[in-house]
Amino acid sequence: MNSTDWAGAVGAGGVFLFLMVVVWQVAATWRARMLAAREEQYKRLAARYAELLEDNVELHRRTLEELTQARASITSMEKMMRSID
């Protein structure tokens, strides 16, 4: 082998190595973007869950108030019915 063969082999190896690094970096960048997008989706999902949880708590509070009022009505009606007897 002469020196031009060695230079060609080293040059080809360098180009191959460079292409490997470029592909590796592109893949790493793509993966990072995908992870960031997934994290953003999780944040939106968590915010939506918190909103639904607050709505659910409010509905439970209203239901409890309505049941308490209904129970008070029933109790007053029972007293009235007992007083009529």
PDB file of N, CA and C in Angstrom:
ATOM      1  N   MET A   1       0.844  -1.181   0.000  1.00  0.00           N
ATOM      2  CA  MET A   1       0.000   0.000   0.000  1.00  0.00           C
ATOM      3  C   MET A   1       0.887   1.240   0.000  1.00  0.00           C
ATOM      4  N   ASN A   2       0.486   2.168  -0.784  1.00  0.00           N
ATOM      5  CA  ASN A   2       1.259   3.409  -0.806  1.00  0.00           C
ATOM      6  C   ASN A   2       0.541   4.465   0.049  1.00  0.00           C
ATOM      7  N   SER A   3       1.107   5.654   0.112  1.00  0.00           N
ATOM      8  CA  SER A   3       0.589   6.699   0.995  1.00  0.00           C
ATOM      9  C   SER A   3      -0.771   7.225   0.541  1.00  0.00           C
ATOM     10  N   THR A   4      -1.052   7.201  -0.723  1.00  0.00           N
ATOM     11  CA  THR A   4      -2.368   7.675  -1.182  1.00  0.00           C
ATOM     12  C   THR A   4      -3.462   6.698  -0.797  1.00  0.00           C
ATOM     13  N   ASP A   5      -3.126   5.404  -0.753  1.00  0.00           N
ATOM     14  CA  ASP A   5      -4.114   4.423  -0.297  1.00  0.00           C
ATOM     15  C   ASP A   5      -4.448   4.660   1.172  1.00  0.00           C
ATOM     16  N   TRP A   6      -3.423   4.914   1.981  1.00  0.00           N
ATOM     17  CA  TRP A   6      -3.632   5.186   3.401  1.00  0.00           C
ATOM     18  C   TRP A   6      -4.435   6.472   3.582  1.00  0.00           C
ATOM     19  N   ALA A   7      -4.121   7.471   2.830  1.00  0.00           N
ATOM     20  CA  ALA A   7      -4.837   8.744   2.935  1.00  0.00           C
ATOM     21  C   ALA A   7      -6.306   8.554   2.544  1.00  0.00           C
ATOM     22  N   GLY A   8      -6.548   7.772   1.501  1.00  0.00           N
ATOM     23  CA  GLY A   8      -7.923   7.500   1.087  1.00  0.00           C
ATOM     24  C   GLY A   8      -8.688   6.720   2.144  1.00  0.00           C
ATOM     25  N   ALA A   9      -8.024   5.725   2.751  1.00  0.00           N
ATOM     26  CA  ALA A   9      -8.663   4.920   3.794  1.00  0.00           C
ATOM     27  C   ALA A   9      -8.970   5.774   5.020  1.00  0.00           C
ATOM     28  N   VAL A  10      -8.013   6.598   5.426  1.00  0.00           N
ATOM     29  CA  VAL A  10      -8.234   7.471   6.588  1.00  0.00           C
ATOM     30  C   VAL A  10      -9.330   8.488   6.271  1.00  0.00           C
ATOM     31  N   GLY A  11      -9.331   9.043   5.065  1.00  0.00           N
ATOM     32  CA  GLY A  11     -10.366   9.995   4.651  1.00  0.00           C
ATOM     33  C   GLY A  11     -11.745   9.360   4.643  1.00  0.00           C
ATOM     34  N   ALA A  12     -11.831   8.153   4.095  1.00  0.00           N
ATOM     35  CA  ALA A  12     -13.118   7.443   4.056  1.00  0.00           C
ATOM     36  C   ALA A  12     -13.583   7.127   5.472  1.00  0.00           C
ATOM     37  N   GLY A  13     -12.646   6.707   6.322  1.00  0.00           N
ATOM     38  CA  GLY A  13     -12.997   6.432   7.721  1.00  0.00           C
ATOM     39  C   GLY A  13     -13.475   7.689   8.430  1.00  0.00           C
ATOM     40  N   GLY A  14     -12.803   8.801   8.135  1.00  0.00           N
ATOM     41  CA  GLY A  14     -13.213  10.069   8.746  1.00  0.00           C
ATOM     42  C   GLY A  14     -14.600  10.497   8.306  1.00  0.00           C
ATOM     43  N   VAL A  15     -14.875  10.352   7.019  1.00  0.00           N
ATOM     44  CA  VAL A  15     -16.201  10.702   6.505  1.00  0.00           C
ATOM     45  C   VAL A  15     -17.252   9.787   7.127  1.00  0.00           C
ATOM     46  N   PHE A  16     -16.956   8.499   7.205  1.00  0.00           N
ATOM     47  CA  PHE A  16     -17.881   7.541   7.814  1.00  0.00           C
ATOM     48  C   PHE A  16     -18.137   7.896   9.274  1.00  0.00           C
ATOM     49  N   LEU A  17     -17.094   8.205  10.009  1.00  0.00           N
ATOM     50  CA  LEU A  17     -17.226   8.594  11.413  1.00  0.00           C
ATOM     51  C   LEU A  17     -18.049   9.871  11.550  1.00  0.00           C
ATOM     52  N   PHE A  18     -17.785  10.838  10.672  1.00  0.00           N
ATOM     53  CA  PHE A  18     -18.538  12.091  10.697  1.00  0.00           C
ATOM     54  C   PHE A  18     -20.029  11.829  10.465  1.00  0.00           C
ATOM     55  N   LEU A  19     -20.342  10.982   9.486  1.00  0.00           N
ATOM     56  CA  LEU A  19     -21.742  10.658   9.208  1.00  0.00           C
ATOM     57  C   LEU A  19     -22.398   9.941  10.383  1.00  0.00           C
ATOM     58  N   MET A  20     -21.646   9.085  11.041  1.00  0.00           N
ATOM     59  CA  MET A  20     -22.187   8.397  12.225  1.00  0.00           C
ATOM     60  C   MET A  20     -22.524   9.406  13.321  1.00  0.00           C
ATOM     61  N   VAL A  21     -21.633  10.352  13.544  1.00  0.00           N
ATOM     62  CA  VAL A  21     -21.871  11.371  14.571  1.00  0.00           C
ATOM     63  C   VAL A  21     -23.088  12.220  14.209  1.00  0.00           C
ATOM     64  N   VAL A  22     -23.215  12.601  12.936  1.00  0.00           N
ATOM     65  CA  VAL A  22     -24.356  13.405  12.503  1.00  0.00           C
ATOM     66  C   VAL A  22     -25.655  12.633  12.716  1.00  0.00           C
ATOM     67  N   VAL A  23     -25.699  11.376  12.313  1.00  0.00           N
ATOM     68  CA  VAL A  23     -26.898  10.562  12.494  1.00  0.00           C
ATOM     69  C   VAL A  23     -27.208  10.406  13.975  1.00  0.00           C
ATOM     70  N   TRP A  24     -26.196  10.173  14.785  1.00  0.00           N
ATOM     71  CA  TRP A  24     -26.382  10.018  16.235  1.00  0.00           C
ATOM     72  C   TRP A  24     -26.980  11.300  16.825  1.00  0.00           C
ATOM     73  N   GLN A  25     -26.464  12.451  16.437  1.00  0.00           N
ATOM     74  CA  GLN A  25     -26.967  13.715  16.968  1.00  0.00           C
ATOM     75  C   GLN A  25     -28.395  14.003  16.505  1.00  0.00           C
ATOM     76  N   VAL A  26     -28.699  13.685  15.268  1.00  0.00           N
ATOM     77  CA  VAL A  26     -30.061  13.871  14.765  1.00  0.00           C
ATOM     78  C   VAL A  26     -31.023  12.985  15.555  1.00  0.00           C
ATOM     79  N   ALA A  27     -30.634  11.744  15.789  1.00  0.00           N
ATOM     80  CA  ALA A  27     -31.481  10.829  16.562  1.00  0.00           C
ATOM     81  C   ALA A  27     -31.647  11.324  17.997  1.00  0.00           C
ATOM     82  N   ALA A  28     -30.582  11.805  18.599  1.00  0.00           N
ATOM     83  CA  ALA A  28     -30.665  12.306  19.975  1.00  0.00           C
ATOM     84  C   ALA A  28     -31.560  13.542  20.046  1.00  0.00           C
ATOM     85  N   THR A  29     -31.455  14.414  19.079  1.00  0.00           N
ATOM     86  CA  THR A  29     -32.301  15.611  19.045  1.00  0.00           C
ATOM     87  C   THR A  29     -33.760  15.232  18.865  1.00  0.00           C
ATOM     88  N   TRP A  30     -34.032  14.297  17.977  1.00  0.00           N
ATOM     89  CA  TRP A  30     -35.403  13.836  17.753  1.00  0.00           C
ATOM     90  C   TRP A  30     -35.982  13.227  19.029  1.00  0.00           C
ATOM     91  N   ARG A  31     -35.174  12.413  19.701  1.00  0.00           N
ATOM     92  CA  ARG A  31     -35.632  11.780  20.951  1.00  0.00           C
ATOM     93  C   ARG A  31     -35.917  12.832  22.018  1.00  0.00           C
ATOM     94  N   ALA A  32     -35.068  13.834  22.128  1.00  0.00           N
ATOM     95  CA  ALA A  32     -35.283  14.899  23.116  1.00  0.00           C
ATOM     96  C   ALA A  32     -36.569  15.665  22.822  1.00  0.00           C
ATOM     97  N   ARG A  33     -36.822  15.930  21.548  1.00  0.00           N
ATOM     98  CA  ARG A  33     -38.065  16.625  21.189  1.00  0.00           C
ATOM     99  C   ARG A  33     -39.281  15.782  21.524  1.00  0.00           C
ATOM    100  N   MET A  34     -39.201  14.496  21.270  1.00  0.00           N
ATOM    101  CA  MET A  34     -40.321  13.608  21.584  1.00  0.00           C
ATOM    102  C   MET A  34     -40.574  13.559  23.086  1.00  0.00           C
ATOM    103  N   LEU A  35     -39.510  13.489  23.869  1.00  0.00           N
ATOM    104  CA  LEU A  35     -39.670  13.476  25.327  1.00  0.00           C
ATOM    105  C   LEU A  35     -40.258  14.787  25.826  1.00  0.00           C
ATOM    106  N   ALA A  36     -39.844  15.901  25.252  1.00  0.00           N
ATOM    107  CA  ALA A  36     -40.391  17.204  25.644  1.00  0.00           C
ATOM    108  C   ALA A  36     -41.870  17.287  25.295  1.00  0.00           C
ATOM    109  N   ALA A  37     -42.239  16.777  24.134  1.00  0.00           N
ATOM    110  CA  ALA A  37     -43.649  16.785  23.738  1.00  0.00           C
ATOM    111  C   ALA A  37     -44.475  15.904  24.668  1.00  0.00           C
ATOM    112  N   ARG A  38     -43.940  14.767  25.038  1.00  0.00           N
ATOM    113  CA  ARG A  38     -44.646  13.873  25.955  1.00  0.00           C
ATOM    114  C   ARG A  38     -44.812  14.527  27.323  1.00  0.00           C
ATOM    115  N   GLU A  39     -43.775  15.200  27.775  1.00  0.00           N
ATOM    116  CA  GLU A  39     -43.861  15.885  29.063  1.00  0.00           C
ATOM    117  C   GLU A  39     -44.925  16.983  29.025  1.00  0.00           C
ATOM    118  N   GLU A  40     -45.006  17.697  27.918  1.00  0.00           N
ATOM    119  CA  GLU A  40     -46.024  18.742  27.764  1.00  0.00           C
ATOM    120  C   GLU A  40     -47.423  18.129  27.791  1.00  0.00           C
ATOM    121  N   GLN A  41     -47.585  16.979  27.163  1.00  0.00           N
ATOM    122  CA  GLN A  41     -48.883  16.300  27.195  1.00  0.00           C
ATOM    123  C   GLN A  41     -49.236  15.878  28.618  1.00  0.00           C
ATOM    124  N   TYR A  42     -48.260  15.379  29.369  1.00  0.00           N
ATOM    125  CA  TYR A  42     -48.506  14.998  30.756  1.00  0.00           C
ATOM    126  C   TYR A  42     -48.901  16.207  31.596  1.00  0.00           C
ATOM    127  N   LYS A  43     -48.271  17.349  31.348  1.00  0.00           N
ATOM    128  CA  LYS A  43     -48.625  18.566  32.092  1.00  0.00           C
ATOM    129  C   LYS A  43     -50.059  18.979  31.789  1.00  0.00           C
ATOM    130  N   ARG A  44     -50.439  18.932  30.508  1.00  0.00           N
ATOM    131  CA  ARG A  44     -51.815  19.282  30.147  1.00  0.00           C
ATOM    132  C   ARG A  44     -52.800  18.302  30.771  1.00  0.00           C
ATOM    133  N   LEU A  45     -52.454  17.024  30.755  1.00  0.00           N
ATOM    134  CA  LEU A  45     -53.325  16.012  31.343  1.00  0.00           C
ATOM    135  C   LEU A  45     -53.471  16.229  32.845  1.00  0.00           C
ATOM    136  N   ALA A  46     -52.390  16.545  33.522  1.00  0.00           N
ATOM    137  CA  ALA A  46     -52.439  16.801  34.964  1.00  0.00           C
ATOM    138  C   ALA A  46     -53.284  18.035  35.271  1.00  0.00           C
ATOM    139  N   ALA A  47     -53.159  19.070  34.453  1.00  0.00           N
ATOM    140  CA  ALA A  47     -53.965  20.275  34.661  1.00  0.00           C
ATOM    141  C   ALA A  47     -55.442  19.963  34.455  1.00  0.00           C
ATOM    142  N   ARG A  48     -55.746  19.185  33.430  1.00  0.00           N
ATOM    143  CA  ARG A  48     -57.144  18.804  33.162  1.00  0.00           C
ATOM    144  C   ARG A  48     -57.692  17.954  34.311  1.00  0.00           C
ATOM    145  N   TYR A  49     -56.874  17.050  34.819  1.00  0.00           N
ATOM    146  CA  TYR A  49     -57.299  16.208  35.946  1.00  0.00           C
ATOM    147  C   TYR A  49     -57.585  17.068  37.171  1.00  0.00           C
ATOM    148  N   ALA A  50     -56.730  18.050  37.445  1.00  0.00           N
ATOM    149  CA  ALA A  50     -56.943  18.935  38.594  1.00  0.00           C
ATOM    150  C   ALA A  50     -58.239  19.719  38.424  1.00  0.00           C
ATOM    151  N   GLU A  51     -58.498  20.182  37.212  1.00  0.00           N
ATOM    152  CA  GLU A  51     -59.737  20.923  36.943  1.00  0.00           C
ATOM    153  C   GLU A  51     -60.962  20.035  37.162  1.00  0.00           C
ATOM    154  N   LEU A  52     -60.902  18.817  36.649  1.00  0.00           N
ATOM    155  CA  LEU A  52     -62.027  17.894  36.835  1.00  0.00           C
ATOM    156  C   LEU A  52     -62.208  17.526  38.300  1.00  0.00           C
ATOM    157  N   LEU A  53     -61.116  17.396  39.015  1.00  0.00           N
ATOM    158  CA  LEU A  53     -61.196  17.077  40.441  1.00  0.00           C
ATOM    159  C   LEU A  53     -61.863  18.211  41.206  1.00  0.00           C
ATOM    160  N   GLU A  54     -61.511  19.453  40.877  1.00  0.00           N
ATOM    161  CA  GLU A  54     -62.148  20.604  41.524  1.00  0.00           C
ATOM    162  C   GLU A  54     -63.642  20.634  41.212  1.00  0.00           C
ATOM    163  N   ASP A  55     -63.995  20.365  39.954  1.00  0.00           N
ATOM    164  CA  ASP A  55     -65.412  20.320  39.578  1.00  0.00           C
ATOM    165  C   ASP A  55     -66.145  19.228  40.352  1.00  0.00           C
ATOM    166  N   ASN A  56     -65.499  18.087  40.482  1.00  0.00           N
ATOM    167  CA  ASN A  56     -66.110  16.971  41.200  1.00  0.00           C
ATOM    168  C   ASN A  56     -66.327  17.306  42.669  1.00  0.00           C
ATOM    169  N   VAL A  57     -65.349  17.957  43.284  1.00  0.00           N
ATOM    170  CA  VAL A  57     -65.483  18.348  44.694  1.00  0.00           C
ATOM    171  C   VAL A  57     -66.632  19.335  44.849  1.00  0.00           C
ATOM    172  N   GLU A  58     -66.741  20.278  43.914  1.00  0.00           N
ATOM    173  CA  GLU A  58     -67.831  21.257  43.963  1.00  0.00           C
ATOM    174  C   GLU A  58     -69.182  20.566  43.815  1.00  0.00           C
ATOM    175  N   LEU A  59     -69.288  19.591  42.919  1.00  0.00           N
ATOM    176  CA  LEU A  59     -70.544  18.853  42.765  1.00  0.00           C
ATOM    177  C   LEU A  59     -70.898  18.077  44.031  1.00  0.00           C
ATOM    178  N   HIS A  60     -69.906  17.493  44.652  1.00  0.00           N
ATOM    179  CA  HIS A  60     -70.162  16.773  45.907  1.00  0.00           C
ATOM    180  C   HIS A  60     -70.628  17.735  47.004  1.00  0.00           C
ATOM    181  N   ARG A  61     -70.026  18.916  47.051  1.00  0.00           N
ATOM    182  CA  ARG A  61     -70.425  19.899  48.055  1.00  0.00           C
ATOM    183  C   ARG A  61     -71.875  20.326  47.833  1.00  0.00           C
ATOM    184  N   ARG A  62     -72.248  20.601  46.576  1.00  0.00           N
ATOM    185  CA  ARG A  62     -73.631  20.987  46.268  1.00  0.00           C
ATOM    186  C   ARG A  62     -74.609  19.873  46.616  1.00  0.00           C
ATOM    187  N   THR A  63     -74.247  18.650  46.270  1.00  0.00           N
ATOM    188  CA  THR A  63     -75.113  17.513  46.569  1.00  0.00           C
ATOM    189  C   THR A  63     -75.312  17.363  48.061  1.00  0.00           C
ATOM    190  N   LEU A  64     -74.244  17.537  48.808  1.00  0.00           N
ATOM    191  CA  LEU A  64     -74.353  17.447  50.268  1.00  0.00           C
ATOM    192  C   LEU A  64     -75.258  18.539  50.813  1.00  0.00           C
ATOM    193  N   GLU A  65     -75.148  19.750  50.285  1.00  0.00           N
ATOM    194  CA  GLU A  65     -76.033  20.840  50.718  1.00  0.00           C
ATOM    195  C   GLU A  65     -77.489  20.516  50.397  1.00  0.00           C
ATOM    196  N   GLU A  66     -77.728  20.003  49.186  1.00  0.00           N
ATOM    197  CA  GLU A  66     -79.097  19.659  48.796  1.00  0.00           C
ATOM    198  C   GLU A  66     -79.656  18.553  49.674  1.00  0.00           C
ATOM    199  N   LEU A  67     -78.842  17.559  49.974  1.00  0.00           N
ATOM    200  CA  LEU A  67     -79.300  16.470  50.840  1.00  0.00           C
ATOM    201  C   LEU A  67     -79.570  16.970  52.254  1.00  0.00           C
ATOM    202  N   THR A  68     -78.732  17.882  52.725  1.00  0.00           N
ATOM    203  CA  THR A  68     -78.934  18.448  54.057  1.00  0.00           C
ATOM    204  C   THR A  68     -80.240  19.239  54.096  1.00  0.00           C
ATOM    205  N   GLN A  69     -80.495  20.026  53.045  1.00  0.00           N
ATOM    206  CA  GLN A  69     -81.745  20.785  52.976  1.00  0.00           C
ATOM    207  C   GLN A  69     -82.949  19.846  52.872  1.00  0.00           C
ATOM    208  N   ALA A  70     -82.806  18.789  52.078  1.00  0.00           N
ATOM    209  CA  ALA A  70     -83.899  17.827  51.945  1.00  0.00           C
ATOM    210  C   ALA A  70     -84.168  17.146  53.279  1.00  0.00           C
ATOM    211  N   ARG A  71     -83.110  16.810  53.989  1.00  0.00           N
ATOM    212  CA  ARG A  71     -83.281  16.161  55.294  1.00  0.00           C
ATOM    213  C   ARG A  71     -83.959  17.109  56.281  1.00  0.00           C
ATOM    214  N   ALA A  72     -83.607  18.393  56.232  1.00  0.00           N
ATOM    215  CA  ALA A  72     -84.246  19.378  57.103  1.00  0.00           C
ATOM    216  C   ALA A  72     -85.723  19.504  56.747  1.00  0.00           C
ATOM    217  N   SER A  73     -86.050  19.481  55.477  1.00  0.00           N
ATOM    218  CA  SER A  73     -87.449  19.553  55.038  1.00  0.00           C
ATOM    219  C   SER A  73     -88.235  18.348  55.529  1.00  0.00           C
ATOM    220  N   ILE A  74     -87.639  17.187  55.355  1.00  0.00           N
ATOM    221  CA  ILE A  74     -88.311  15.959  55.795  1.00  0.00           C
ATOM    222  C   ILE A  74     -88.518  15.984  57.297  1.00  0.00           C
ATOM    223  N   THR A  75     -87.518  16.427  58.032  1.00  0.00           N
ATOM    224  CA  THR A  75     -87.633  16.498  59.493  1.00  0.00           C
ATOM    225  C   THR A  75     -88.744  17.459  59.894  1.00  0.00           C
ATOM    226  N   SER A  76     -88.813  18.615  59.244  1.00  0.00           N
ATOM    227  CA  SER A  76     -89.875  19.570  59.595  1.00  0.00           C
ATOM    228  C   SER A  76     -91.247  19.010  59.227  1.00  0.00           C
ATOM    229  N   MET A  77     -91.334  18.282  58.096  1.00  0.00           N
ATOM    230  CA  MET A  77     -92.609  17.668  57.732  1.00  0.00           C
ATOM    231  C   MET A  77     -92.993  16.586  58.737  1.00  0.00           C
ATOM    232  N   GLU A  78     -92.041  15.818  59.215  1.00  0.00           N
ATOM    233  CA  GLU A  78     -92.329  14.796  60.215  1.00  0.00           C
ATOM    234  C   GLU A  78     -92.838  15.436  61.496  1.00  0.00           C
ATOM    235  N   LYS A  79     -92.239  16.548  61.917  1.00  0.00           N
ATOM    236  CA  LYS A  79     -92.701  17.248  63.118  1.00  0.00           C
ATOM    237  C   LYS A  79     -94.121  17.751  62.917  1.00  0.00           C
ATOM    238  N   MET A  80     -94.394  18.310  61.734  1.00  0.00           N
ATOM    239  CA  MET A  80     -95.721  18.829  61.450  1.00  0.00           C
ATOM    240  C   MET A  80     -96.746  17.696  61.465  1.00  0.00           C
ATOM    241  N   MET A  81     -96.397  16.564  60.880  1.00  0.00           N
ATOM    242  CA  MET A  81     -97.325  15.425  60.834  1.00  0.00           C
ATOM    243  C   MET A  81     -97.578  14.887  62.244  1.00  0.00           C
ATOM    244  N   ARG A  82     -96.560  14.890  63.085  1.00  0.00           N
ATOM    245  CA  ARG A  82     -96.728  14.410  64.462  1.00  0.00           C
ATOM    246  C   ARG A  82     -97.620  15.371  65.262  1.00  0.00           C
ATOM    247  N   SER A  83     -97.462  16.651  64.955  1.00  0.00           N
ATOM    248  CA  SER A  83     -98.292  17.608  65.695  1.00  0.00           C
ATOM    249  C   SER A  83     -99.746  17.529  65.276  1.00  0.00           C
ATOM    250  N   ILE A  84    -100.011  17.102  64.045  1.00  0.00           N
ATOM    251  CA  ILE A  84    -101.396  16.952  63.583  1.00  0.00           C
ATOM    252  C   ILE A  84    -102.034  15.745  64.241  1.00  0.00           C
ATOM    253  N   ASP A  85    -101.297  14.686  64.452  1.00  0.00           N
ATOM    254  CA  ASP A  85    -101.853  13.460  65.077  1.00  0.00           C
ATOM    255  C   ASP A  85    -102.238  13.761  66.444  1.00  0.00           C
TER     256      ASP A  85
END
